[in-house]
C-alpha atoms as a PDB file:
ATOM      1  CA  UNK A   1      -0.905 111.384 122.443  1.00  0.00           C
ATOM      2  CA  UNK A   2       0.068 114.846 123.677  1.00  0.00           C
ATOM      3  CA  UNK A   3       2.850 113.324 125.802  1.00  0.00           C
ATOM      4  CA  UNK A   4       4.166 111.343 122.832  1.00  0.00           C
ATOM      5  CA  UNK A   5       4.052 114.438 120.643  1.00  0.00           C
ATOM      6  CA  UNK A   6       5.932 116.418 123.273  1.00  0.00           C
ATOM      7  CA  UNK A   7       8.603 113.726 123.477  1.00  0.00           C
ATOM      8  CA  UNK A   8       8.999 113.614 119.692  1.00  0.00           C
ATOM      9  CA  UNK A   9       9.372 117.390 119.525  1.00  0.00           C
ATOM     10  CA  UNK A  10      12.026 117.264 122.244  1.00  0.00           C
ATOM     11  CA  UNK A  11      13.982 114.603 120.349  1.00  0.00           C
ATOM     12  CA  UNK A  12      13.630 116.575 117.125  1.00  0.00           C
ATOM     13  CA  UNK A  13      14.829 119.757 118.804  1.00  0.00           C
ATOM     14  CA  UNK A  14      17.899 117.993 120.167  1.00  0.00           C
ATOM     15  CA  UNK A  15      18.594 116.519 116.733  1.00  0.00           C
ATOM     16  CA  UNK A  16      18.165 119.800 114.867  1.00  0.00           C
ATOM     17  CA  UNK A  17      15.172 118.484 112.926  1.00  0.00           C
ATOM     18  CA  UNK A  18      12.497 120.702 114.447  1.00  0.00           C
ATOM     19  CA  UNK A  19      12.520 123.326 111.626  1.00  0.00           C
ATOM     20  CA  UNK A  20      12.000 120.553 109.092  1.00  0.00           C
ATOM     21  CA  UNK A  21       9.133 119.081 111.089  1.00  0.00           C
ATOM     22  CA  UNK A  22       7.455 122.482 111.240  1.00  0.00           C
ATOM     23  CA  UNK A  23       7.688 122.831 107.459  1.00  0.00           C
ATOM     24  CA  UNK A  24       6.180 119.385 107.008  1.00  0.00           C
ATOM     25  CA  UNK A  25       3.355 119.872 109.515  1.00  0.00           C
ATOM     26  CA  UNK A  26      -0.141 119.526 108.051  1.00  0.00           C
ATOM     27  CA  UNK A  27      -1.079 123.059 109.105  1.00  0.00           C
ATOM     28  CA  UNK A  28       2.126 124.712 107.857  1.00  0.00           C
ATOM     29  CA  UNK A  29       1.767 127.456 105.248  1.00  0.00           C
ATOM     30  CA  UNK A  30       4.452 125.932 103.042  1.00  0.00           C
ATOM     31  CA  UNK A  31       2.506 122.679 102.889  1.00  0.00           C
ATOM     32  CA  UNK A  32      -0.939 124.205 102.316  1.00  0.00           C
ATOM     33  CA  UNK A  33       0.425 126.497  99.568  1.00  0.00           C
ATOM     34  CA  UNK A  34       2.105 123.560  97.888  1.00  0.00           C
ATOM     35  CA  UNK A  35       5.624 124.907  98.323  1.00  0.00           C
ATOM     36  CA  UNK A  36       6.839 121.658  99.928  1.00  0.00           C
ATOM     37  CA  UNK A  37       5.494 119.628  97.028  1.00  0.00           C
ATOM     38  CA  UNK A  38       6.903 122.050  94.457  1.00  0.00           C
ATOM     39  CA  UNK A  39      10.360 121.571  95.971  1.00  0.00           C
ATOM     40  CA  UNK A  40       9.973 117.782  95.945  1.00  0.00           C
ATOM     41  CA  UNK A  41       8.855 117.780  92.297  1.00  0.00           C
ATOM     42  CA  UNK A  42      11.116 120.685  91.274  1.00  0.00           C
ATOM     43  CA  UNK A  43       8.147 122.227  89.466  1.00  0.00           C
ATOM     44  CA  UNK A  44       5.603 124.984  90.202  1.00  0.00           C
ATOM     45  CA  UNK A  45       2.614 123.016  91.520  1.00  0.00           C
ATOM     46  CA  UNK A  46       0.081 123.437  94.303  1.00  0.00           C
ATOM     47  CA  UNK A  47      -0.518 121.100  97.240  1.00  0.00           C
ATOM     48  CA  UNK A  48      -2.544 118.742  95.014  1.00  0.00           C
ATOM     49  CA  UNK A  49       0.118 118.671  92.292  1.00  0.00           C
ATOM     50  CA  UNK A  50      -1.734 120.953  89.871  1.00  0.00           C
ATOM     51  CA  UNK A  51       0.370 123.452  87.884  1.00  0.00           C
ATOM     52  CA  UNK A  52       0.522 127.044  89.094  1.00  0.00           C
ATOM     53  CA  UNK A  53       2.347 130.127  87.790  1.00  0.00           C
ATOM     54  CA  UNK A  54       5.968 130.471  88.825  1.00  0.00           C
ATOM     55  CA  UNK A  55       5.165 133.758  90.573  1.00  0.00           C
ATOM     56  CA  UNK A  56       4.861 134.846  94.168  1.00  0.00           C
ATOM     57  CA  UNK A  57       2.084 133.222  96.161  1.00  0.00           C
ATOM     58  CA  UNK A  58       0.423 136.548  97.090  1.00  0.00           C
ATOM     59  CA  UNK A  59       0.113 137.423  93.386  1.00  0.00           C
ATOM     60  CA  UNK A  60      -1.207 133.961  92.491  1.00  0.00           C
ATOM     61  CA  UNK A  61      -3.948 134.323  95.082  1.00  0.00           C
ATOM     62  CA  UNK A  62      -4.776 137.887  94.025  1.00  0.00           C
ATOM     63  CA  UNK A  63      -5.136 136.919  90.375  1.00  0.00           C
ATOM     64  CA  UNK A  64      -7.031 133.747  91.194  1.00  0.00           C
ATOM     65  CA  UNK A  65      -9.675 135.785  93.010  1.00  0.00           C
ATOM     66  CA  UNK A  66     -10.089 138.347  90.207  1.00  0.00           C
ATOM     67  CA  UNK A  67      -9.664 136.645  86.835  1.00  0.00           C
ATOM     68  CA  UNK A  68     -12.888 136.092  84.896  1.00  0.00           C
ATOM     69  CA  UNK A  69     -14.046 133.738  82.160  1.00  0.00           C
ATOM     70  CA  UNK A  70     -14.456 136.527  79.610  1.00  0.00           C
ATOM     71  CA  UNK A  71     -10.810 137.650  79.674  1.00  0.00           C
ATOM     72  CA  UNK A  72      -8.228 137.061  76.941  1.00  0.00           C
ATOM     73  CA  UNK A  73      -4.614 136.501  78.005  1.00  0.00           C
ATOM     74  CA  UNK A  74      -1.313 136.793  76.163  1.00  0.00           C
ATOM     75  CA  UNK A  75       1.663 135.217  77.882  1.00  0.00           C
ATOM     76  CA  UNK A  76       5.361 135.679  77.158  1.00  0.00           C
ATOM     77  CA  UNK A  77       6.844 132.381  78.360  1.00  0.00           C
ATOM     78  CA  UNK A  78       4.819 129.161  78.599  1.00  0.00           C
ATOM     79  CA  UNK A  79       4.689 126.721  81.502  1.00  0.00           C
ATOM     80  CA  UNK A  80       2.454 125.737  84.382  1.00  0.00           C
ATOM     81  CA  UNK A  81       0.983 129.222  84.290  1.00  0.00           C
ATOM     82  CA  UNK A  82      -0.515 128.571  80.846  1.00  0.00           C
ATOM     83  CA  UNK A  83      -2.937 125.894  82.047  1.00  0.00           C
ATOM     84  CA  UNK A  84      -3.599 127.849  85.251  1.00  0.00           C
ATOM     85  CA  UNK A  85      -4.660 130.988  83.356  1.00  0.00           C
ATOM     86  CA  UNK A  86      -6.608 128.923  80.828  1.00  0.00           C
ATOM     87  CA  UNK A  87      -8.718 127.400  83.613  1.00  0.00           C
ATOM     88  CA  UNK A  88      -9.798 130.876  84.710  1.00  0.00           C
ATOM     89  CA  UNK A  89     -10.152 132.864  81.477  1.00  0.00           C
ATOM     90  CA  UNK A  90     -11.669 132.607  77.999  1.00  0.00           C
ATOM     91  CA  UNK A  91      -8.460 132.065  76.046  1.00  0.00           C
ATOM     92  CA  UNK A  92      -4.666 132.104  76.477  1.00  0.00           C
ATOM     93  CA  UNK A  93      -2.161 132.662  73.703  1.00  0.00           C
ATOM     94  CA  UNK A  94       1.302 131.824  74.967  1.00  0.00           C
ATOM     95  CA  UNK A  95       4.637 132.538  73.273  1.00  0.00           C
ATOM     96  CA  UNK A  96       7.811 130.541  73.846  1.00  0.00           C
ATOM     97  CA  UNK A  97      11.330 130.941  72.472  1.00  0.00           C
ATOM     98  CA  UNK A  98      12.621 127.458  73.415  1.00  0.00           C
ATOM     99  CA  UNK A  99      11.329 124.831  70.959  1.00  0.00           C
ATOM    100  CA  UNK A 100      12.201 121.892  73.205  1.00  0.00           C
ATOM    101  CA  UNK A 101      10.366 123.392  76.176  1.00  0.00           C
ATOM    102  CA  UNK A 102       7.379 124.330  73.989  1.00  0.00           C
ATOM    103  CA  UNK A 103       6.976 120.763  72.725  1.00  0.00           C
ATOM    104  CA  UNK A 104       7.208 119.454  76.285  1.00  0.00           C
ATOM    105  CA  UNK A 105       4.400 121.752  77.437  1.00  0.00           C
ATOM    106  CA  UNK A 106       2.135 121.522  74.358  1.00  0.00           C
ATOM    107  CA  UNK A 107       0.542 118.055  74.927  1.00  0.00           C
ATOM    108  CA  UNK A 108      -0.881 119.024  78.321  1.00  0.00           C
ATOM    109  CA  UNK A 109      -2.485 122.299  77.288  1.00  0.00           C
ATOM    110  CA  UNK A 110      -6.289 122.663  77.355  1.00  0.00           C
ATOM    111  CA  UNK A 111      -8.329 123.467  74.265  1.00  0.00           C
ATOM    112  CA  UNK A 112      -8.679 127.193  74.937  1.00  0.00           C
ATOM    113  CA  UNK A 113      -4.949 127.809  74.512  1.00  0.00           C
ATOM    114  CA  UNK A 114      -2.720 128.586  71.554  1.00  0.00           C
ATOM    115  CA  UNK A 115       1.023 127.998  71.810  1.00  0.00           C
ATOM    116  CA  UNK A 116       3.303 129.901  69.438  1.00  0.00           C
ATOM    117  CA  UNK A 117       7.040 129.276  69.277  1.00  0.00           C
ATOM    118  CA  UNK A 118       9.523 131.786  67.876  1.00  0.00           C
ATOM    119  CA  UNK A 119      13.062 130.457  68.398  1.00  0.00           C
ATOM    120  CA  UNK A 120      15.587 132.944  69.792  1.00  0.00           C
ATOM    121  CA  UNK A 121      19.185 131.661  69.847  1.00  0.00           C
ATOM    122  CA  UNK A 122      21.297 132.040  72.968  1.00  0.00           C
ATOM    123  CA  UNK A 123      23.789 134.380  71.330  1.00  0.00           C
ATOM    124  CA  UNK A 124      24.145 136.392  74.529  1.00  0.00           C
ATOM    125  CA  UNK A 125      24.221 135.623  78.269  1.00  0.00           C
ATOM    126  CA  UNK A 126      20.835 134.486  79.592  1.00  0.00           C
ATOM    127  CA  UNK A 127      20.588 137.438  81.981  1.00  0.00           C
ATOM    128  CA  UNK A 128      20.788 139.831  79.047  1.00  0.00           C
ATOM    129  CA  UNK A 129      18.365 137.717  77.030  1.00  0.00           C
ATOM    130  CA  UNK A 130      15.925 137.567  79.888  1.00  0.00           C
ATOM    131  CA  UNK A 131      15.653 141.289  80.422  1.00  0.00           C
ATOM    132  CA  UNK A 132      16.789 142.875  77.169  1.00  0.00           C
ATOM    133  CA  UNK A 133      16.658 146.503  76.078  1.00  0.00           C
ATOM    134  CA  UNK A 134      13.490 148.514  75.574  1.00  0.00           C
ATOM    135  CA  UNK A 135      14.484 149.118  71.952  1.00  0.00           C
ATOM    136  CA  UNK A 136      14.819 145.391  71.144  1.00  0.00           C
ATOM    137  CA  UNK A 137      12.763 144.285  68.155  1.00  0.00           C
ATOM    138  CA  UNK A 138      12.273 141.059  66.263  1.00  0.00           C
ATOM    139  CA  UNK A 139       9.772 138.305  65.488  1.00  0.00           C
ATOM    140  CA  UNK A 140       9.483 137.244  69.124  1.00  0.00           C
ATOM    141  CA  UNK A 141       8.684 140.749  70.360  1.00  0.00           C
ATOM    142  CA  UNK A 142       6.299 141.550  67.535  1.00  0.00           C
ATOM    143  CA  UNK A 143       4.292 138.322  67.860  1.00  0.00           C
ATOM    144  CA  UNK A 144       1.932 139.897  70.390  1.00  0.00           C
ATOM    145  CA  UNK A 145       0.754 142.398  67.764  1.00  0.00           C
ATOM    146  CA  UNK A 146       0.176 139.644  65.198  1.00  0.00           C
ATOM    147  CA  UNK A 147      -1.577 137.160  67.475  1.00  0.00           C
ATOM    148  CA  UNK A 148      -5.067 138.638  67.434  1.00  0.00           C
ATOM    149  CA  UNK A 149      -5.347 141.131  70.290  1.00  0.00           C
ATOM    150  CA  UNK A 150      -6.193 143.339  71.992  1.00  0.00           C
ATOM    151  CA  UNK A 151      -5.453 141.525  75.250  1.00  0.00           C
ATOM    152  CA  UNK A 152      -7.004 141.967  78.678  1.00  0.00           C
ATOM    153  CA  UNK A 153      -4.044 140.474  80.553  1.00  0.00           C
ATOM    154  CA  UNK A 154      -0.440 140.324  79.349  1.00  0.00           C
ATOM    155  CA  UNK A 155       1.864 138.132  81.430  1.00  0.00           C
ATOM    156  CA  UNK A 156       5.598 138.809  81.035  1.00  0.00           C
ATOM    157  CA  UNK A 157       7.733 135.974  82.386  1.00  0.00           C
ATOM    158  CA  UNK A 158      10.019 135.023  79.514  1.00  0.00           C
ATOM    159  CA  UNK A 159      12.949 136.523  77.650  1.00  0.00           C
ATOM    160  CA  UNK A 160      13.572 140.145  76.563  1.00  0.00           C
ATOM    161  CA  UNK A 161      11.172 141.438  79.195  1.00  0.00           C
ATOM    162  CA  UNK A 162      11.775 145.169  78.843  1.00  0.00           C
ATOM    163  CA  UNK A 163      11.027 145.032  75.123  1.00  0.00           C
ATOM    164  CA  UNK A 164       8.010 142.813  75.795  1.00  0.00           C
ATOM    165  CA  UNK A 165       6.651 145.464  78.168  1.00  0.00           C
ATOM    166  CA  UNK A 166       6.902 148.144  75.476  1.00  0.00           C
ATOM    167  CA  UNK A 167       5.217 145.914  72.882  1.00  0.00           C
ATOM    168  CA  UNK A 168       2.489 144.891  75.340  1.00  0.00           C
ATOM    169  CA  UNK A 169       1.352 148.414  76.158  1.00  0.00           C
ATOM    170  CA  UNK A 170       0.238 149.023  72.573  1.00  0.00           C
ATOM    171  CA  UNK A 171      -1.687 145.736  72.395  1.00  0.00           C
ATOM    172  CA  UNK A 172      -3.779 145.969  75.564  1.00  0.00           C
ATOM    173  CA  UNK A 173      -7.530 146.380  75.607  1.00  0.00           C
ATOM    174  CA  UNK A 174      -8.906 149.530  77.231  1.00  0.00           C
ATOM    175  CA  UNK A 175      -9.223 147.553  80.480  1.00  0.00           C
ATOM    176  CA  UNK A 176      -5.938 145.679  80.083  1.00  0.00           C
ATOM    177  CA  UNK A 177      -3.356 144.953  82.793  1.00  0.00           C
ATOM    178  CA  UNK A 178       0.268 143.790  82.744  1.00  0.00           C
ATOM    179  CA  UNK A 179       1.616 141.106  85.077  1.00  0.00           C
ATOM    180  CA  UNK A 180       5.407 141.291  85.379  1.00  0.00           C
ATOM    181  CA  UNK A 181       7.390 138.661  87.242  1.00  0.00           C
ATOM    182  CA  UNK A 182      10.660 139.554  89.005  1.00  0.00           C
ATOM    183  CA  UNK A 183       9.597 143.200  88.857  1.00  0.00           C
ATOM    184  CA  UNK A 184      12.126 144.073  91.572  1.00  0.00           C
ATOM    185  CA  UNK A 185      15.122 143.149  89.396  1.00  0.00           C
ATOM    186  CA  UNK A 186      17.260 146.224  88.600  1.00  0.00           C
ATOM    187  CA  UNK A 187      17.515 145.104  84.973  1.00  0.00           C
ATOM    188  CA  UNK A 188      13.768 145.603  84.590  1.00  0.00           C
ATOM    189  CA  UNK A 189      13.799 149.226  85.766  1.00  0.00           C
ATOM    190  CA  UNK A 190      13.523 150.626  82.186  1.00  0.00           C
ATOM    191  CA  UNK A 191      10.377 148.591  81.553  1.00  0.00           C
ATOM    192  CA  UNK A 192       8.830 149.544  84.881  1.00  0.00           C
ATOM    193  CA  UNK A 193       9.537 153.216  84.213  1.00  0.00           C
ATOM    194  CA  UNK A 194       7.943 152.891  80.773  1.00  0.00           C
ATOM    195  CA  UNK A 195       4.747 151.613  82.391  1.00  0.00           C
ATOM    196  CA  UNK A 196       4.743 154.376  84.971  1.00  0.00           C
ATOM    197  CA  UNK A 197       5.230 156.990  82.260  1.00  0.00           C
ATOM    198  CA  UNK A 198       2.019 155.687  80.678  1.00  0.00           C
ATOM    199  CA  UNK A 199       0.183 156.236  83.989  1.00  0.00           C
ATOM    200  CA  UNK A 200       0.088 152.585  85.034  1.00  0.00           C
ATOM    201  CA  UNK A 201      -0.092 152.056  88.775  1.00  0.00           C
ATOM    202  CA  UNK A 202       1.808 149.202  90.377  1.00  0.00           C
ATOM    203  CA  UNK A 203       0.881 146.660  93.023  1.00  0.00           C
ATOM    204  CA  UNK A 204       4.044 144.730  94.011  1.00  0.00           C
ATOM    205  CA  UNK A 205       3.358 141.313  95.510  1.00  0.00           C
ATOM    206  CA  UNK A 206       6.396 140.228  97.494  1.00  0.00           C
ATOM    207  CA  UNK A 207       6.869 136.808  99.041  1.00  0.00           C
ATOM    208  CA  UNK A 208       7.895 133.249  98.345  1.00  0.00           C
ATOM    209  CA  UNK A 209       7.280 131.501  95.058  1.00  0.00           C
ATOM    210  CA  UNK A 210       7.034 127.804  94.168  1.00  0.00           C
ATOM    211  CA  UNK A 211      10.290 125.801  94.153  1.00  0.00           C
ATOM    212  CA  UNK A 212      12.577 128.615  95.315  1.00  0.00           C
ATOM    213  CA  UNK A 213      13.314 129.643  98.909  1.00  0.00           C
ATOM    214  CA  UNK A 214      14.316 133.260  98.235  1.00  0.00           C
ATOM    215  CA  UNK A 215      11.874 136.152  98.414  1.00  0.00           C
ATOM    216  CA  UNK A 216      10.701 137.419  95.048  1.00  0.00           C
ATOM    217  CA  UNK A 217       8.322 140.004  93.596  1.00  0.00           C
ATOM    218  CA  UNK A 218       5.583 139.862  90.983  1.00  0.00           C
ATOM    219  CA  UNK A 219       3.754 143.076  90.096  1.00  0.00           C
ATOM    220  CA  UNK A 220       0.410 143.903  88.546  1.00  0.00           C
ATOM    221  CA  UNK A 221       0.333 147.153  86.557  1.00  0.00           C
ATOM    222  CA  UNK A 222      -3.098 148.678  85.963  1.00  0.00           C
ATOM    223  CA  UNK A 223      -5.013 151.809  85.049  1.00  0.00           C
ATOM    224  CA  UNK A 224      -8.523 152.899  86.086  1.00  0.00           C
ATOM    225  CA  UNK A 225     -11.501 150.788  84.947  1.00  0.00           C
ATOM    226  CA  UNK A 226      -9.352 147.690  84.523  1.00  0.00           C
ATOM    227  CA  UNK A 227     -10.466 144.093  84.043  1.00  0.00           C
ATOM    228  CA  UNK A 228      -9.395 143.050  87.550  1.00  0.00           C
ATOM    229  CA  UNK A 229     -11.613 145.663  89.249  1.00  0.00           C
ATOM    230  CA  UNK A 230      -8.704 147.195  91.129  1.00  0.00           C
END
């Protein structure tokens, strides 16, 4: 068997297929994390096909080890993360701006979730919509204050993220934390600085994320005596 394996590796090396074989190997990190399957399905899933947040793998693991069943989560932007957080916490309220996407996600959500949809038209380029200005206001931004907080965890992975950060900080519980995806993007610098000005500390989790091959960053912002015991 070892001779056959050696011969196959030699053929693969000559044919330029060796990197692909390494990615597909049973013991490869990309396979055990579910990255290979997420690429095949073009969706954020783990190795078993279960939905996971579209965040960096180091952050997913960190949160998975620390979330508790008594925590209440508010999420800007619904998706695979909604069911993932719901399986680990008491309740998730998720907010979506895209009605079509919301109705696609809604049927698969567990009973301890609440999905709100506040349509926001694409009147500007998506990049501007996604990151927004800290002074942005409107029904979408203000929904977090009307949805029955305070919240232990606020996940920001949707549109108008800078403004969502500002709104989130006034709706957190005393032990609340903020999870911000793509925290390394220059457009999010105003929101990050707002958090730092309020004495939040940052743990940046850099690495790969489901589906995509580029490095990314997801950060957890926290203060002392937080719900994640950091």
